[in-house]
N, C-alpha and C. Protein backbone atom coordinates (compact mmCIF):
# COMPACT_ATOMS: atom_id res chain seq x y z
N UNK A 1 30.87 0.43 0.74
CA UNK A 1 29.47 0.65 0.41
C UNK A 1 28.96 1.86 1.19
N UNK A 2 28.31 2.82 0.55
CA UNK A 2 27.87 4.04 1.23
C UNK A 2 26.75 3.81 2.25
N UNK A 3 26.05 2.70 2.16
CA UNK A 3 24.94 2.44 3.07
C UNK A 3 25.31 1.48 4.19
N UNK A 4 26.57 1.25 4.41
CA UNK A 4 27.01 0.26 5.39
C UNK A 4 26.62 0.61 6.81
N UNK A 5 26.29 1.86 7.10
CA UNK A 5 25.89 2.25 8.45
C UNK A 5 24.42 1.94 8.72
N UNK A 6 23.65 1.64 7.70
CA UNK A 6 22.24 1.31 7.89
C UNK A 6 22.14 -0.11 8.42
N UNK A 7 21.49 -0.24 9.57
CA UNK A 7 21.35 -1.55 10.21
C UNK A 7 19.91 -2.06 10.17
N UNK A 8 18.94 -1.13 10.14
CA UNK A 8 17.54 -1.52 10.25
C UNK A 8 16.68 -0.55 9.45
N UNK A 9 15.81 -1.08 8.62
CA UNK A 9 14.87 -0.27 7.84
C UNK A 9 13.46 -0.65 8.27
N UNK A 10 12.68 0.33 8.74
CA UNK A 10 11.29 0.10 9.13
C UNK A 10 10.41 0.81 8.12
N UNK A 11 9.45 0.07 7.57
CA UNK A 11 8.57 0.59 6.53
C UNK A 11 7.12 0.57 6.98
N UNK A 12 6.41 1.64 6.71
CA UNK A 12 4.95 1.63 6.84
C UNK A 12 4.42 0.78 5.69
N UNK A 13 3.24 0.23 5.81
CA UNK A 13 2.72 -0.66 4.78
C UNK A 13 1.75 0.06 3.85
N UNK A 14 0.64 0.56 4.39
CA UNK A 14 -0.41 1.14 3.55
C UNK A 14 0.05 2.42 2.87
N UNK A 15 0.04 2.41 1.55
CA UNK A 15 0.47 3.57 0.77
C UNK A 15 1.97 3.61 0.52
N UNK A 16 2.71 2.74 1.19
CA UNK A 16 4.16 2.65 0.97
C UNK A 16 4.49 1.36 0.23
N UNK A 17 4.05 0.24 0.77
CA UNK A 17 4.24 -1.05 0.11
C UNK A 17 3.00 -1.51 -0.64
N UNK A 18 1.92 -0.74 -0.53
CA UNK A 18 0.69 -1.03 -1.28
C UNK A 18 0.28 0.23 -2.02
N UNK A 19 -0.76 0.11 -2.82
CA UNK A 19 -1.27 1.29 -3.51
C UNK A 19 -2.22 2.10 -2.63
N UNK A 20 -2.37 1.69 -1.38
CA UNK A 20 -3.23 2.42 -0.45
C UNK A 20 -4.68 2.00 -0.51
N UNK A 21 -5.02 1.16 -1.47
CA UNK A 21 -6.41 0.71 -1.61
C UNK A 21 -6.70 -0.51 -0.77
N UNK A 22 -7.98 -0.73 -0.52
CA UNK A 22 -8.44 -1.93 0.15
C UNK A 22 -9.46 -2.59 -0.76
N UNK A 23 -9.25 -3.85 -1.04
CA UNK A 23 -10.17 -4.62 -1.86
C UNK A 23 -11.01 -5.47 -0.93
N UNK A 24 -12.33 -5.44 -1.10
CA UNK A 24 -13.22 -6.21 -0.24
C UNK A 24 -14.08 -7.11 -1.12
N UNK A 25 -14.03 -8.40 -0.82
CA UNK A 25 -14.80 -9.36 -1.61
C UNK A 25 -16.27 -9.33 -1.18
N UNK A 26 -17.12 -10.04 -1.94
CA UNK A 26 -18.53 -10.12 -1.60
C UNK A 26 -18.76 -10.74 -0.23
N UNK A 27 -17.86 -11.62 0.17
CA UNK A 27 -18.00 -12.26 1.48
C UNK A 27 -17.40 -11.42 2.61
N UNK A 28 -16.84 -10.26 2.26
CA UNK A 28 -16.30 -9.36 3.27
C UNK A 28 -14.82 -9.52 3.55
N UNK A 29 -14.15 -10.40 2.81
CA UNK A 29 -12.71 -10.58 3.00
C UNK A 29 -11.97 -9.35 2.48
N UNK A 30 -11.02 -8.87 3.28
CA UNK A 30 -10.21 -7.71 2.91
C UNK A 30 -8.93 -8.17 2.24
N UNK A 31 -8.53 -7.47 1.17
CA UNK A 31 -7.30 -7.80 0.46
C UNK A 31 -6.51 -6.52 0.17
N UNK A 32 -5.20 -6.67 0.07
CA UNK A 32 -4.33 -5.56 -0.32
C UNK A 32 -3.43 -6.03 -1.45
N UNK A 33 -3.02 -5.11 -2.28
CA UNK A 33 -2.15 -5.42 -3.41
C UNK A 33 -0.74 -4.95 -3.09
N UNK A 34 0.20 -5.90 -3.02
CA UNK A 34 1.61 -5.60 -2.80
C UNK A 34 2.35 -5.74 -4.11
N UNK A 35 3.35 -4.89 -4.33
CA UNK A 35 4.15 -4.95 -5.54
C UNK A 35 5.28 -5.97 -5.34
N UNK A 36 5.41 -6.90 -6.27
CA UNK A 36 6.44 -7.93 -6.17
C UNK A 36 7.85 -7.35 -6.25
N UNK A 37 7.99 -6.21 -6.92
CA UNK A 37 9.31 -5.57 -7.03
C UNK A 37 9.77 -5.05 -5.67
N UNK A 38 8.84 -4.54 -4.87
CA UNK A 38 9.19 -4.12 -3.51
C UNK A 38 9.66 -5.32 -2.71
N UNK A 39 8.95 -6.43 -2.83
CA UNK A 39 9.33 -7.65 -2.13
C UNK A 39 10.71 -8.12 -2.51
N UNK A 40 11.02 -8.10 -3.80
CA UNK A 40 12.34 -8.52 -4.26
C UNK A 40 13.42 -7.59 -3.72
N UNK A 41 13.14 -6.29 -3.71
CA UNK A 41 14.11 -5.33 -3.17
C UNK A 41 14.36 -5.54 -1.69
N UNK A 42 13.30 -5.85 -0.94
CA UNK A 42 13.44 -6.12 0.49
C UNK A 42 14.30 -7.36 0.72
N UNK A 43 14.04 -8.41 -0.05
CA UNK A 43 14.82 -9.64 0.07
C UNK A 43 16.29 -9.38 -0.23
N UNK A 44 16.57 -8.64 -1.29
CA UNK A 44 17.96 -8.33 -1.65
C UNK A 44 18.64 -7.48 -0.57
N UNK A 45 17.90 -6.54 0.01
CA UNK A 45 18.45 -5.71 1.08
C UNK A 45 18.79 -6.56 2.29
N UNK A 46 17.91 -7.48 2.66
CA UNK A 46 18.17 -8.33 3.82
C UNK A 46 19.39 -9.23 3.59
N UNK A 47 19.66 -9.59 2.35
CA UNK A 47 20.86 -10.38 2.04
C UNK A 47 22.14 -9.64 2.39
N UNK A 48 22.10 -8.31 2.44
CA UNK A 48 23.27 -7.51 2.79
C UNK A 48 23.46 -7.38 4.29
N UNK A 49 22.52 -7.94 5.06
CA UNK A 49 22.62 -7.88 6.51
C UNK A 49 21.75 -6.82 7.17
N UNK A 50 21.04 -6.03 6.37
CA UNK A 50 20.15 -5.01 6.93
C UNK A 50 18.86 -5.70 7.38
N UNK A 51 18.43 -5.42 8.61
CA UNK A 51 17.16 -5.94 9.12
C UNK A 51 16.03 -5.06 8.60
N UNK A 52 14.89 -5.66 8.30
CA UNK A 52 13.73 -4.93 7.79
C UNK A 52 12.54 -5.23 8.67
N UNK A 53 11.74 -4.21 8.92
CA UNK A 53 10.53 -4.38 9.70
C UNK A 53 9.37 -3.62 9.09
N UNK A 54 8.16 -4.07 9.41
CA UNK A 54 6.93 -3.41 8.97
C UNK A 54 6.22 -2.85 10.19
N UNK A 55 5.57 -1.71 10.01
CA UNK A 55 4.70 -1.16 11.04
C UNK A 55 3.45 -0.66 10.34
N UNK A 56 2.29 -0.92 10.94
CA UNK A 56 1.05 -0.53 10.29
C UNK A 56 -0.09 -0.42 11.29
N UNK A 57 -0.97 0.50 11.04
CA UNK A 57 -2.25 0.58 11.75
C UNK A 57 -3.29 0.20 10.71
N UNK A 58 -3.75 -1.04 10.76
CA UNK A 58 -4.60 -1.57 9.70
C UNK A 58 -5.89 -2.11 10.27
N UNK A 59 -6.90 -2.21 9.42
CA UNK A 59 -8.16 -2.82 9.82
C UNK A 59 -7.94 -4.30 10.09
N UNK A 60 -7.11 -4.94 9.27
CA UNK A 60 -6.80 -6.35 9.46
C UNK A 60 -5.29 -6.54 9.52
N UNK A 61 -4.78 -6.89 10.68
CA UNK A 61 -3.34 -7.07 10.83
C UNK A 61 -2.87 -8.41 10.27
N UNK A 62 -3.78 -9.34 10.00
CA UNK A 62 -3.40 -10.66 9.47
C UNK A 62 -2.73 -10.54 8.10
N UNK A 63 -3.18 -9.59 7.29
CA UNK A 63 -2.59 -9.39 5.96
C UNK A 63 -1.13 -8.97 6.09
N UNK A 64 -0.86 -8.06 7.03
CA UNK A 64 0.50 -7.58 7.25
C UNK A 64 1.38 -8.72 7.74
N UNK A 65 0.85 -9.50 8.67
CA UNK A 65 1.59 -10.65 9.20
C UNK A 65 1.90 -11.66 8.09
N UNK A 66 0.94 -11.90 7.23
CA UNK A 66 1.15 -12.86 6.14
C UNK A 66 2.23 -12.38 5.18
N UNK A 67 2.20 -11.10 4.80
CA UNK A 67 3.22 -10.57 3.88
C UNK A 67 4.60 -10.61 4.53
N UNK A 68 4.69 -10.28 5.80
CA UNK A 68 5.97 -10.34 6.51
C UNK A 68 6.50 -11.78 6.52
N UNK A 69 5.63 -12.72 6.74
CA UNK A 69 6.03 -14.13 6.75
C UNK A 69 6.52 -14.56 5.37
N UNK A 70 5.83 -14.14 4.33
CA UNK A 70 6.23 -14.48 2.95
C UNK A 70 7.65 -14.01 2.67
N UNK A 71 8.00 -12.83 3.17
CA UNK A 71 9.32 -12.25 2.90
C UNK A 71 10.36 -12.60 3.98
N UNK A 72 9.95 -13.43 4.95
CA UNK A 72 10.83 -13.84 6.06
C UNK A 72 11.28 -12.64 6.89
N UNK A 73 10.37 -11.68 7.07
CA UNK A 73 10.63 -10.52 7.90
C UNK A 73 10.24 -10.88 9.34
N UNK A 74 11.19 -10.77 10.23
CA UNK A 74 10.98 -11.15 11.63
C UNK A 74 10.30 -10.06 12.45
N UNK A 75 10.43 -8.83 12.02
CA UNK A 75 9.97 -7.71 12.81
C UNK A 75 8.78 -7.04 12.14
N UNK A 76 7.63 -7.13 12.76
CA UNK A 76 6.47 -6.40 12.25
C UNK A 76 5.54 -6.08 13.41
N UNK A 77 4.91 -4.95 13.32
CA UNK A 77 4.00 -4.50 14.35
C UNK A 77 2.78 -3.93 13.63
N UNK A 78 1.68 -4.62 13.78
CA UNK A 78 0.44 -4.18 13.13
C UNK A 78 -0.64 -4.04 14.19
N UNK A 79 -1.15 -2.84 14.32
CA UNK A 79 -2.21 -2.56 15.26
C UNK A 79 -3.53 -2.76 14.54
N UNK A 80 -4.39 -3.59 15.06
CA UNK A 80 -5.71 -3.79 14.47
C UNK A 80 -6.63 -2.69 14.98
N UNK A 81 -6.95 -1.74 14.10
CA UNK A 81 -7.74 -0.58 14.50
C UNK A 81 -9.22 -0.71 14.15
N UNK A 82 -9.64 -1.88 13.71
CA UNK A 82 -11.02 -2.08 13.28
C UNK A 82 -12.06 -1.62 14.27
N UNK A 83 -11.87 -1.87 15.55
CA UNK A 83 -12.87 -1.51 16.55
C UNK A 83 -12.91 -0.01 16.83
N UNK A 84 -11.85 0.71 16.53
CA UNK A 84 -11.82 2.15 16.81
C UNK A 84 -12.72 2.95 15.87
N UNK A 85 -13.04 2.42 14.72
CA UNK A 85 -13.81 3.16 13.74
C UNK A 85 -15.26 2.68 13.61
N UNK A 86 -15.75 2.04 14.61
CA UNK A 86 -17.13 1.55 14.60
C UNK A 86 -18.08 2.72 14.79
N UNK A 87 -19.04 2.84 13.90
CA UNK A 87 -20.02 3.92 14.00
C UNK A 87 -21.24 3.44 14.75
N UNK A 88 -21.82 4.33 15.55
CA UNK A 88 -23.04 3.97 16.32
C UNK A 88 -24.27 4.49 15.63
């Protein structure tokens, strides 16, 4: 297999695994749209023994954590940057 030397794949989330948009409900809940085909590809890749991780600087890191859990991804790092963009 030509990719046998790959041991770990780290992916950014926003704009890579999502369309880059943020959906906000009337109650203020933030949502992101993930493509199920990306998820299936990640699952199939992990079956070959390659570790996968997510990294993101997001307003809400809970969404990233939830998606990682859904895909059984053990490695994720999401920085909650919400407080950095507060306007006075």
